[in-house]
Amino acid sequence: MTNTLSTPDTTTTPDAAATDAAAGTAHWATQDTPIGPFTAVVDSGGAVLASGWTTELGELLPQVHPSLHPGELVSGDIGPVAEAVARYHDGDLTAIDAIAVRQRSGEFLTHAWDVLRTVEPGTPVTYTEYATRAGRPKAVRAAAAACARNAVALFVPCHRVLRTDGSLGGFRWGLPAKRWLIDHEAARSRTA
């Protein structure tokens, strides 16, 4: 099933295109950002399979669903993804919105990842609000699990979810990175 929201393609269940892309070659690249090095793995169709503030593929690939693992990984040009990462960090908060992502899991998690893409920059939500937006207000732990299992950081902006008391909570790439992202988006949202 392909995402039917107004957000870019997030393939969440097996389909022919995702299966074909998974069997192909994926490219990866690392680029410098104000937070530190950011690496993205992009499938042959241009969708991000994994991303985060690291130089280590070994930190990214275990987060990719086994059915989406590419047949081959090649270091090289990741095209529009690299441009979007640079533009986002330079202040264009919408640059990441048009980038396709591909993740797969159970029905709630895949829906919750789609919902995360609708959280506007500069307006973080709590885990409780996120669970409600995802249609399961009592499933706060499941909403937190969606953030924790998100393989495509930045493009599926799990950093925009905070604890009820407004504190940061967790973030795979470290709380300083999450704080930078929240502050960056807040500052840019005020000037937009």
N, C-alpha and C. Protein backbone atom coordinates (compact mmCIF):
# COMPACT_ATOMS: atom_id res chain seq x y z
N MET A 1 0.85 -1.17 0.00
CA MET A 1 0.00 0.00 0.00
C MET A 1 0.90 1.23 0.00
N THR A 2 0.60 2.17 -0.82
CA THR A 2 1.36 3.41 -0.89
C THR A 2 0.62 4.47 -0.12
N ASN A 3 1.35 5.33 0.53
CA ASN A 3 0.79 6.42 1.32
C ASN A 3 -0.24 7.19 0.51
N THR A 4 -1.41 7.45 1.10
CA THR A 4 -2.45 8.20 0.42
C THR A 4 -2.60 9.60 0.99
N LEU A 5 -1.77 9.98 1.95
CA LEU A 5 -1.80 11.33 2.47
C LEU A 5 -1.16 12.26 1.46
N SER A 6 -1.17 13.54 1.73
CA SER A 6 -0.58 14.49 0.81
C SER A 6 0.93 14.59 0.97
N THR A 7 1.50 13.71 1.76
CA THR A 7 2.95 13.69 1.94
C THR A 7 3.57 12.82 0.86
N PRO A 8 4.88 12.90 0.66
CA PRO A 8 5.55 12.08 -0.34
C PRO A 8 5.38 10.60 -0.06
N ASP A 9 5.67 9.79 -1.07
CA ASP A 9 5.52 8.35 -1.00
C ASP A 9 6.24 7.76 0.20
N THR A 10 5.51 7.03 1.01
CA THR A 10 6.07 6.24 2.08
C THR A 10 5.53 4.84 1.89
N THR A 11 6.28 3.97 1.27
CA THR A 11 5.79 2.63 1.03
C THR A 11 5.80 1.88 2.34
N THR A 12 4.65 1.35 2.70
CA THR A 12 4.52 0.76 4.01
C THR A 12 4.22 -0.73 3.99
N THR A 13 3.82 -1.25 2.87
CA THR A 13 3.59 -2.68 2.74
C THR A 13 4.14 -3.13 1.40
N PRO A 14 4.33 -4.44 1.22
CA PRO A 14 4.94 -4.89 -0.02
C PRO A 14 4.14 -4.46 -1.25
N ASP A 15 4.83 -3.97 -2.24
CA ASP A 15 4.26 -3.74 -3.56
C ASP A 15 5.36 -3.99 -4.57
N ALA A 16 5.00 -4.09 -5.83
CA ALA A 16 5.98 -4.45 -6.86
C ALA A 16 7.12 -3.45 -6.94
N ALA A 17 6.81 -2.16 -6.91
CA ALA A 17 7.86 -1.15 -7.03
C ALA A 17 8.84 -1.23 -5.88
N ALA A 18 8.33 -1.39 -4.66
CA ALA A 18 9.21 -1.47 -3.50
C ALA A 18 10.08 -2.71 -3.56
N THR A 19 9.50 -3.83 -3.97
CA THR A 19 10.25 -5.07 -4.07
C THR A 19 11.35 -4.94 -5.12
N ASP A 20 11.02 -4.36 -6.28
CA ASP A 20 12.02 -4.16 -7.32
C ASP A 20 13.13 -3.24 -6.85
N ALA A 21 12.76 -2.13 -6.17
CA ALA A 21 13.76 -1.19 -5.69
C ALA A 21 14.65 -1.83 -4.65
N ALA A 22 14.06 -2.66 -3.79
CA ALA A 22 14.84 -3.29 -2.73
C ALA A 22 15.87 -4.25 -3.29
N ALA A 23 15.56 -4.89 -4.39
CA ALA A 23 16.49 -5.86 -4.97
C ALA A 23 17.63 -5.18 -5.71
N GLY A 24 17.50 -3.91 -6.02
CA GLY A 24 18.49 -3.20 -6.81
C GLY A 24 19.63 -2.64 -6.00
N THR A 25 20.29 -1.68 -6.61
CA THR A 25 21.42 -1.02 -6.01
C THR A 25 20.96 0.23 -5.28
N ALA A 26 21.44 0.43 -4.10
CA ALA A 26 21.18 1.66 -3.35
C ALA A 26 22.49 2.43 -3.25
N HIS A 27 22.36 3.74 -3.24
CA HIS A 27 23.52 4.60 -3.07
C HIS A 27 23.49 5.22 -1.68
N TRP A 28 24.64 5.52 -1.17
CA TRP A 28 24.73 6.19 0.12
C TRP A 28 25.80 7.26 0.04
N ALA A 29 25.62 8.26 0.87
CA ALA A 29 26.60 9.34 0.94
C ALA A 29 26.51 9.99 2.31
N THR A 30 27.62 10.56 2.73
CA THR A 30 27.70 11.31 3.98
C THR A 30 28.05 12.74 3.65
N GLN A 31 27.36 13.66 4.30
CA GLN A 31 27.66 15.07 4.09
C GLN A 31 27.74 15.78 5.43
N ASP A 32 28.50 16.86 5.46
CA ASP A 32 28.63 17.64 6.69
C ASP A 32 27.39 18.49 6.91
N THR A 33 26.98 18.59 8.17
CA THR A 33 25.88 19.47 8.57
C THR A 33 26.32 20.18 9.85
N PRO A 34 25.59 21.21 10.27
CA PRO A 34 25.94 21.89 11.52
C PRO A 34 25.89 20.97 12.75
N ILE A 35 25.13 19.88 12.65
CA ILE A 35 25.01 18.94 13.77
C ILE A 35 26.13 17.92 13.75
N GLY A 36 26.68 17.68 12.58
CA GLY A 36 27.68 16.65 12.39
C GLY A 36 27.40 15.92 11.09
N PRO A 37 28.18 14.88 10.78
CA PRO A 37 28.00 14.17 9.52
C PRO A 37 26.63 13.51 9.45
N PHE A 38 25.99 13.61 8.28
CA PHE A 38 24.67 13.03 8.04
C PHE A 38 24.80 12.06 6.87
N THR A 39 24.35 10.83 7.07
CA THR A 39 24.43 9.80 6.03
C THR A 39 23.02 9.39 5.65
N ALA A 40 22.82 9.21 4.34
CA ALA A 40 21.54 8.72 3.83
C ALA A 40 21.79 7.57 2.87
N VAL A 41 20.92 6.57 2.93
CA VAL A 41 20.92 5.44 2.00
C VAL A 41 19.67 5.59 1.14
N VAL A 42 19.85 5.65 -0.17
CA VAL A 42 18.77 5.95 -1.10
C VAL A 42 18.63 4.81 -2.10
N ASP A 43 17.41 4.29 -2.24
CA ASP A 43 17.20 3.17 -3.16
C ASP A 43 17.24 3.63 -4.62
N SER A 44 17.17 2.67 -5.53
CA SER A 44 17.30 2.98 -6.96
C SER A 44 16.16 3.84 -7.48
N GLY A 45 15.06 3.91 -6.74
CA GLY A 45 13.94 4.76 -7.13
C GLY A 45 14.02 6.16 -6.53
N GLY A 46 15.06 6.44 -5.76
CA GLY A 46 15.23 7.76 -5.16
C GLY A 46 14.64 7.92 -3.78
N ALA A 47 14.11 6.85 -3.19
CA ALA A 47 13.52 6.93 -1.85
C ALA A 47 14.57 6.64 -0.78
N VAL A 48 14.50 7.39 0.31
CA VAL A 48 15.42 7.19 1.42
C VAL A 48 15.01 5.95 2.20
N LEU A 49 15.96 5.04 2.39
CA LEU A 49 15.73 3.82 3.18
C LEU A 49 16.19 3.99 4.62
N ALA A 50 17.23 4.79 4.81
CA ALA A 50 17.79 5.02 6.14
C ALA A 50 18.58 6.31 6.12
N SER A 51 18.56 7.01 7.27
CA SER A 51 19.32 8.25 7.36
C SER A 51 19.51 8.63 8.82
N GLY A 52 20.57 9.38 9.06
CA GLY A 52 20.84 9.86 10.40
C GLY A 52 22.21 10.52 10.50
N TRP A 53 22.45 11.11 11.64
CA TRP A 53 23.69 11.86 11.88
C TRP A 53 24.78 10.90 12.33
N THR A 54 25.38 10.24 11.36
CA THR A 54 26.43 9.26 11.58
C THR A 54 27.23 9.09 10.30
N THR A 55 28.40 8.51 10.41
CA THR A 55 29.17 8.13 9.23
C THR A 55 29.13 6.62 9.04
N GLU A 56 28.50 5.93 9.95
CA GLU A 56 28.54 4.47 9.99
C GLU A 56 27.29 3.83 9.38
N LEU A 57 27.45 3.15 8.26
CA LEU A 57 26.32 2.41 7.68
C LEU A 57 25.79 1.36 8.64
N GLY A 58 26.67 0.83 9.46
CA GLY A 58 26.28 -0.18 10.45
C GLY A 58 25.30 0.34 11.48
N GLU A 59 25.20 1.65 11.64
CA GLU A 59 24.20 2.23 12.54
C GLU A 59 22.86 2.44 11.83
N LEU A 60 22.88 2.48 10.52
CA LEU A 60 21.66 2.74 9.75
C LEU A 60 20.99 1.47 9.24
N LEU A 61 21.76 0.58 8.65
CA LEU A 61 21.17 -0.56 7.96
C LEU A 61 20.35 -1.50 8.84
N PRO A 62 20.69 -1.71 10.12
CA PRO A 62 19.85 -2.57 10.94
C PRO A 62 18.42 -2.03 11.13
N GLN A 63 18.21 -0.74 10.88
CA GLN A 63 16.89 -0.15 11.03
C GLN A 63 16.01 -0.38 9.81
N VAL A 64 16.60 -0.78 8.70
CA VAL A 64 15.86 -1.00 7.46
C VAL A 64 15.18 -2.37 7.52
N HIS A 65 13.90 -2.42 7.18
CA HIS A 65 13.17 -3.68 7.16
C HIS A 65 13.87 -4.65 6.20
N PRO A 66 14.01 -5.92 6.58
CA PRO A 66 14.73 -6.87 5.72
C PRO A 66 14.21 -6.93 4.28
N SER A 67 12.92 -6.74 4.08
CA SER A 67 12.38 -6.81 2.72
C SER A 67 12.78 -5.61 1.87
N LEU A 68 13.34 -4.59 2.49
CA LEU A 68 13.75 -3.39 1.76
C LEU A 68 15.26 -3.28 1.57
N HIS A 69 16.00 -4.24 2.12
CA HIS A 69 17.46 -4.19 1.99
C HIS A 69 17.85 -4.28 0.51
N PRO A 70 18.70 -3.37 0.06
CA PRO A 70 19.13 -3.41 -1.34
C PRO A 70 20.08 -4.57 -1.59
N GLY A 71 20.15 -4.99 -2.84
CA GLY A 71 21.06 -6.06 -3.21
C GLY A 71 22.51 -5.62 -3.16
N GLU A 72 22.73 -4.32 -3.39
CA GLU A 72 24.09 -3.79 -3.42
C GLU A 72 24.07 -2.36 -2.90
N LEU A 73 25.11 -1.98 -2.17
CA LEU A 73 25.28 -0.61 -1.67
C LEU A 73 26.51 0.02 -2.30
N VAL A 74 26.33 1.21 -2.85
CA VAL A 74 27.42 1.90 -3.53
C VAL A 74 27.52 3.32 -2.98
N SER A 75 28.71 3.71 -2.61
CA SER A 75 28.94 5.09 -2.18
C SER A 75 28.88 5.98 -3.41
N GLY A 76 28.13 7.07 -3.30
CA GLY A 76 28.06 7.95 -4.46
C GLY A 76 26.96 8.99 -4.36
N ASP A 77 26.58 9.49 -5.49
CA ASP A 77 25.62 10.57 -5.62
C ASP A 77 24.22 10.13 -5.16
N ILE A 78 23.64 10.88 -4.24
CA ILE A 78 22.27 10.61 -3.81
C ILE A 78 21.33 11.72 -4.28
N GLY A 79 21.79 12.49 -5.25
CA GLY A 79 20.97 13.45 -5.96
C GLY A 79 20.17 14.41 -5.10
N PRO A 80 18.85 14.48 -5.35
CA PRO A 80 18.00 15.44 -4.65
C PRO A 80 18.00 15.29 -3.13
N VAL A 81 18.31 14.11 -2.65
CA VAL A 81 18.33 13.89 -1.19
C VAL A 81 19.44 14.74 -0.57
N ALA A 82 20.63 14.72 -1.14
CA ALA A 82 21.74 15.51 -0.61
C ALA A 82 21.41 17.00 -0.66
N GLU A 83 20.81 17.41 -1.76
CA GLU A 83 20.43 18.82 -1.88
C GLU A 83 19.40 19.21 -0.82
N ALA A 84 18.42 18.35 -0.57
CA ALA A 84 17.40 18.63 0.44
C ALA A 84 18.00 18.72 1.83
N VAL A 85 18.93 17.83 2.14
CA VAL A 85 19.59 17.86 3.46
C VAL A 85 20.33 19.18 3.64
N ALA A 86 21.08 19.59 2.64
CA ALA A 86 21.82 20.86 2.73
C ALA A 86 20.86 22.04 2.86
N ARG A 87 19.82 22.06 2.05
CA ARG A 87 18.87 23.18 2.10
C ARG A 87 18.16 23.24 3.46
N TYR A 88 17.77 22.08 4.00
CA TYR A 88 17.12 22.05 5.31
C TYR A 88 18.03 22.66 6.38
N HIS A 89 19.25 22.19 6.43
CA HIS A 89 20.19 22.68 7.44
C HIS A 89 20.54 24.16 7.25
N ASP A 90 20.41 24.64 6.01
CA ASP A 90 20.64 26.06 5.73
C ASP A 90 19.41 26.92 6.04
N GLY A 91 18.29 26.29 6.37
CA GLY A 91 17.12 27.06 6.78
C GLY A 91 15.85 26.84 5.98
N ASP A 92 15.90 26.11 4.88
CA ASP A 92 14.69 25.80 4.10
C ASP A 92 14.04 24.55 4.70
N LEU A 93 13.18 24.76 5.68
CA LEU A 93 12.61 23.65 6.44
C LEU A 93 11.70 22.75 5.61
N THR A 94 11.21 23.24 4.49
CA THR A 94 10.33 22.44 3.64
C THR A 94 11.10 21.61 2.61
N ALA A 95 12.40 21.77 2.54
CA ALA A 95 13.20 21.07 1.54
C ALA A 95 13.08 19.55 1.66
N ILE A 96 12.83 19.05 2.85
CA ILE A 96 12.76 17.60 3.07
C ILE A 96 11.39 17.01 2.73
N ASP A 97 10.39 17.87 2.59
CA ASP A 97 9.02 17.40 2.42
C ASP A 97 8.78 16.60 1.15
N ALA A 98 9.43 16.94 0.08
CA ALA A 98 9.19 16.27 -1.20
C ALA A 98 10.01 15.00 -1.39
N ILE A 99 10.87 14.69 -0.44
CA ILE A 99 11.73 13.51 -0.56
C ILE A 99 10.93 12.25 -0.18
N ALA A 100 10.93 11.30 -1.08
CA ALA A 100 10.24 10.03 -0.82
C ALA A 100 11.04 9.21 0.19
N VAL A 101 10.33 8.47 1.01
CA VAL A 101 10.96 7.56 1.96
C VAL A 101 10.31 6.19 1.80
N ARG A 102 11.01 5.18 2.27
CA ARG A 102 10.45 3.83 2.19
C ARG A 102 10.77 3.11 3.51
N GLN A 103 9.70 2.79 4.25
CA GLN A 103 9.82 2.03 5.49
C GLN A 103 8.70 0.99 5.48
N ARG A 104 8.89 -0.04 6.25
CA ARG A 104 7.87 -1.09 6.31
C ARG A 104 7.82 -1.65 7.72
N SER A 105 6.60 -1.87 8.20
CA SER A 105 6.37 -2.49 9.50
C SER A 105 4.90 -2.84 9.58
N GLY A 106 4.40 -2.97 10.81
CA GLY A 106 2.98 -3.25 11.00
C GLY A 106 2.13 -2.03 10.67
N GLU A 107 0.83 -2.25 10.63
CA GLU A 107 -0.11 -1.21 10.20
C GLU A 107 0.00 0.07 11.03
N PHE A 108 0.04 -0.04 12.36
CA PHE A 108 0.08 1.18 13.16
C PHE A 108 1.38 1.95 12.96
N LEU A 109 2.50 1.27 12.99
CA LEU A 109 3.78 1.99 12.84
C LEU A 109 3.88 2.69 11.49
N THR A 110 3.49 2.01 10.43
CA THR A 110 3.60 2.65 9.12
C THR A 110 2.65 3.85 9.03
N HIS A 111 1.47 3.73 9.58
CA HIS A 111 0.55 4.88 9.60
C HIS A 111 1.14 6.00 10.46
N ALA A 112 1.71 5.65 11.60
CA ALA A 112 2.29 6.65 12.50
C ALA A 112 3.44 7.38 11.83
N TRP A 113 4.24 6.70 11.02
CA TRP A 113 5.32 7.37 10.29
C TRP A 113 4.74 8.37 9.29
N ASP A 114 3.65 7.99 8.62
CA ASP A 114 2.99 8.93 7.71
C ASP A 114 2.51 10.16 8.47
N VAL A 115 1.94 9.95 9.64
CA VAL A 115 1.43 11.05 10.45
C VAL A 115 2.57 11.97 10.87
N LEU A 116 3.73 11.41 11.20
CA LEU A 116 4.87 12.25 11.59
C LEU A 116 5.23 13.25 10.50
N ARG A 117 5.04 12.86 9.25
CA ARG A 117 5.38 13.77 8.15
C ARG A 117 4.42 14.94 8.04
N THR A 118 3.34 14.91 8.82
CA THR A 118 2.39 16.03 8.80
C THR A 118 2.62 17.01 9.95
N VAL A 119 3.53 16.68 10.87
CA VAL A 119 3.85 17.59 11.98
C VAL A 119 4.71 18.72 11.42
N GLU A 120 4.21 19.92 11.54
CA GLU A 120 4.88 21.08 10.95
C GLU A 120 6.15 21.45 11.72
N PRO A 121 7.19 21.90 11.01
CA PRO A 121 8.38 22.38 11.70
C PRO A 121 8.05 23.58 12.58
N GLY A 122 8.67 23.63 13.74
CA GLY A 122 8.44 24.73 14.67
C GLY A 122 7.23 24.55 15.56
N THR A 123 6.51 23.45 15.36
CA THR A 123 5.32 23.17 16.19
C THR A 123 5.36 21.73 16.70
N PRO A 124 6.35 21.41 17.53
CA PRO A 124 6.45 20.03 18.03
C PRO A 124 5.20 19.63 18.78
N VAL A 125 4.97 18.33 18.82
CA VAL A 125 3.82 17.77 19.54
C VAL A 125 4.34 16.85 20.64
N THR A 126 3.48 16.56 21.60
CA THR A 126 3.85 15.59 22.63
C THR A 126 3.57 14.18 22.13
N TYR A 127 4.11 13.20 22.82
CA TYR A 127 3.83 11.82 22.46
C TYR A 127 2.33 11.54 22.55
N THR A 128 1.65 12.16 23.51
CA THR A 128 0.20 11.99 23.66
C THR A 128 -0.53 12.59 22.46
N GLU A 129 -0.14 13.79 22.06
CA GLU A 129 -0.75 14.42 20.88
C GLU A 129 -0.47 13.61 19.62
N TYR A 130 0.73 13.09 19.53
CA TYR A 130 1.10 12.28 18.37
C TYR A 130 0.25 11.01 18.30
N ALA A 131 0.06 10.34 19.43
CA ALA A 131 -0.79 9.14 19.46
C ALA A 131 -2.21 9.48 19.02
N THR A 132 -2.71 10.62 19.47
CA THR A 132 -4.06 11.05 19.09
C THR A 132 -4.12 11.31 17.59
N ARG A 133 -3.15 12.02 17.05
CA ARG A 133 -3.11 12.28 15.61
C ARG A 133 -3.06 10.99 14.81
N ALA A 134 -2.41 9.99 15.37
CA ALA A 134 -2.29 8.70 14.68
C ALA A 134 -3.55 7.85 14.85
N GLY A 135 -4.54 8.38 15.58
CA GLY A 135 -5.82 7.68 15.70
C GLY A 135 -5.94 6.73 16.87
N ARG A 136 -4.93 6.71 17.74
CA ARG A 136 -4.97 5.82 18.90
C ARG A 136 -4.50 6.58 20.13
N PRO A 137 -5.38 7.41 20.70
CA PRO A 137 -4.98 8.29 21.80
C PRO A 137 -4.39 7.58 23.02
N LYS A 138 -4.76 6.34 23.23
CA LYS A 138 -4.24 5.61 24.40
C LYS A 138 -2.95 4.86 24.08
N ALA A 139 -2.51 4.92 22.85
CA ALA A 139 -1.33 4.16 22.42
C ALA A 139 -0.08 5.03 22.45
N VAL A 140 0.16 5.69 23.57
CA VAL A 140 1.31 6.59 23.68
C VAL A 140 2.62 5.81 23.54
N ARG A 141 2.69 4.63 24.14
CA ARG A 141 3.92 3.83 24.02
C ARG A 141 4.16 3.38 22.58
N ALA A 142 3.08 3.05 21.88
CA ALA A 142 3.22 2.66 20.47
C ALA A 142 3.69 3.84 19.63
N ALA A 143 3.20 5.04 19.95
CA ALA A 143 3.66 6.24 19.25
C ALA A 143 5.15 6.47 19.51
N ALA A 144 5.56 6.28 20.75
CA ALA A 144 6.98 6.42 21.09
C ALA A 144 7.81 5.36 20.35
N ALA A 145 7.26 4.15 20.21
CA ALA A 145 7.96 3.09 19.47
C ALA A 145 8.12 3.46 18.00
N ALA A 146 7.12 4.14 17.44
CA ALA A 146 7.24 4.59 16.04
C ALA A 146 8.41 5.55 15.89
N CYS A 147 8.59 6.42 16.86
CA CYS A 147 9.74 7.34 16.82
C CYS A 147 11.03 6.56 16.96
N ALA A 148 11.08 5.64 17.88
CA ALA A 148 12.30 4.89 18.14
C ALA A 148 12.70 3.99 16.97
N ARG A 149 11.72 3.50 16.23
CA ARG A 149 12.00 2.58 15.11
C ARG A 149 12.07 3.28 13.76
N ASN A 150 11.96 4.58 13.75
CA ASN A 150 12.04 5.35 12.51
C ASN A 150 13.44 5.26 11.92
N ALA A 151 13.54 4.71 10.72
CA ALA A 151 14.85 4.53 10.08
C ALA A 151 15.29 5.75 9.28
N VAL A 152 14.37 6.67 9.00
CA VAL A 152 14.69 7.78 8.10
C VAL A 152 14.57 9.12 8.83
N ALA A 153 15.46 9.28 9.80
CA ALA A 153 15.48 10.52 10.58
C ALA A 153 15.59 11.71 9.65
N LEU A 154 15.07 12.80 10.06
CA LEU A 154 14.93 14.07 9.37
C LEU A 154 13.75 14.03 8.41
N PHE A 155 13.70 13.07 7.49
CA PHE A 155 12.64 13.02 6.49
C PHE A 155 11.30 12.59 7.09
N VAL A 156 11.34 11.72 8.06
CA VAL A 156 10.20 11.41 8.92
C VAL A 156 10.60 12.00 10.27
N PRO A 157 10.13 13.22 10.56
CA PRO A 157 10.71 14.04 11.62
C PRO A 157 10.30 13.65 13.04
N CYS A 158 10.82 12.52 13.50
CA CYS A 158 10.53 12.07 14.86
C CYS A 158 11.09 13.03 15.91
N HIS A 159 12.02 13.89 15.50
CA HIS A 159 12.56 14.88 16.44
C HIS A 159 11.50 15.89 16.86
N ARG A 160 10.39 15.96 16.17
CA ARG A 160 9.33 16.93 16.47
C ARG A 160 8.35 16.43 17.53
N VAL A 161 8.70 15.33 18.21
CA VAL A 161 7.84 14.79 19.26
C VAL A 161 8.58 14.91 20.60
N LEU A 162 7.90 15.51 21.57
CA LEU A 162 8.48 15.78 22.89
C LEU A 162 7.66 15.09 23.98
N ARG A 163 8.25 15.02 25.15
CA ARG A 163 7.52 14.52 26.31
C ARG A 163 6.42 15.51 26.70
N THR A 164 5.47 15.05 27.47
CA THR A 164 4.34 15.88 27.89
C THR A 164 4.80 17.13 28.64
N ASP A 165 5.88 17.02 29.39
CA ASP A 165 6.38 18.18 30.14
C ASP A 165 7.22 19.12 29.27
N GLY A 166 7.32 18.83 27.98
CA GLY A 166 8.08 19.67 27.07
C GLY A 166 9.55 19.31 26.96
N SER A 167 10.01 18.35 27.76
CA SER A 167 11.41 17.94 27.66
C SER A 167 11.61 17.09 26.40
N LEU A 168 12.85 16.92 26.02
CA LEU A 168 13.17 16.31 24.74
C LEU A 168 12.80 14.84 24.61
N GLY A 169 12.90 14.07 25.67
CA GLY A 169 12.71 12.63 25.53
C GLY A 169 13.96 12.03 24.90
N GLY A 170 13.79 10.99 24.12
CA GLY A 170 14.94 10.34 23.49
C GLY A 170 15.09 10.71 22.03
N PHE A 171 16.26 10.35 21.48
CA PHE A 171 16.53 10.55 20.06
C PHE A 171 17.76 9.71 19.73
N ARG A 172 17.63 8.84 18.75
CA ARG A 172 18.71 7.93 18.39
C ARG A 172 20.02 8.67 18.14
N TRP A 173 19.96 9.87 17.62
CA TRP A 173 21.16 10.59 17.22
C TRP A 173 21.65 11.56 18.29
N GLY A 174 21.09 11.44 19.50
CA GLY A 174 21.55 12.22 20.64
C GLY A 174 20.69 13.44 20.91
N LEU A 175 20.57 13.77 22.18
CA LEU A 175 19.75 14.91 22.58
C LEU A 175 20.31 16.25 22.10
N PRO A 176 21.64 16.44 22.01
CA PRO A 176 22.11 17.70 21.43
C PRO A 176 21.64 17.90 19.98
N ALA A 177 21.61 16.83 19.21
CA ALA A 177 21.11 16.93 17.82
C ALA A 177 19.62 17.27 17.82
N LYS A 178 18.85 16.62 18.67
CA LYS A 178 17.41 16.90 18.74
C LYS A 178 17.17 18.35 19.17
N ARG A 179 17.92 18.83 20.15
CA ARG A 179 17.78 20.22 20.60
C ARG A 179 18.10 21.18 19.46
N TRP A 180 19.17 20.90 18.70
CA TRP A 180 19.54 21.76 17.59
C TRP A 180 18.40 21.80 16.56
N LEU A 181 17.84 20.64 16.22
CA LEU A 181 16.75 20.58 15.24
C LEU A 181 15.52 21.36 15.71
N ILE A 182 15.12 21.18 16.97
CA ILE A 182 13.96 21.89 17.52
C ILE A 182 14.22 23.40 17.49
N ASP A 183 15.40 23.82 17.94
CA ASP A 183 15.73 25.26 17.97
C ASP A 183 15.81 25.83 16.55
N HIS A 184 16.42 25.09 15.64
CA HIS A 184 16.56 25.51 14.23
C HIS A 184 15.18 25.74 13.63
N GLU A 185 14.28 24.80 13.84
CA GLU A 185 12.94 24.92 13.27
C GLU A 185 12.14 26.03 13.93
N ALA A 186 12.28 26.18 15.22
CA ALA A 186 11.56 27.26 15.93
C ALA A 186 12.02 28.62 15.42
N ALA A 187 13.33 28.81 15.28
CA ALA A 187 13.86 30.10 14.82
C ALA A 187 13.43 30.39 13.40
N ARG A 188 13.48 29.40 12.53
CA ARG A 188 13.10 29.61 11.12
C ARG A 188 11.60 29.80 10.98
N SER A 189 10.81 29.14 11.80
CA SER A 189 9.35 29.27 11.73
C SER A 189 8.90 30.67 12.14
N ARG A 190 9.61 31.26 13.10
CA ARG A 190 9.27 32.61 13.55
C ARG A 190 9.55 33.65 12.46
N THR A 191 10.57 33.39 11.63
CA THR A 191 10.93 34.37 10.61
C THR A 191 10.22 34.12 9.28
N ALA A 192 9.51 33.02 9.17
CA ALA A 192 8.84 32.68 7.90
C ALA A 192 7.55 33.46 7.73
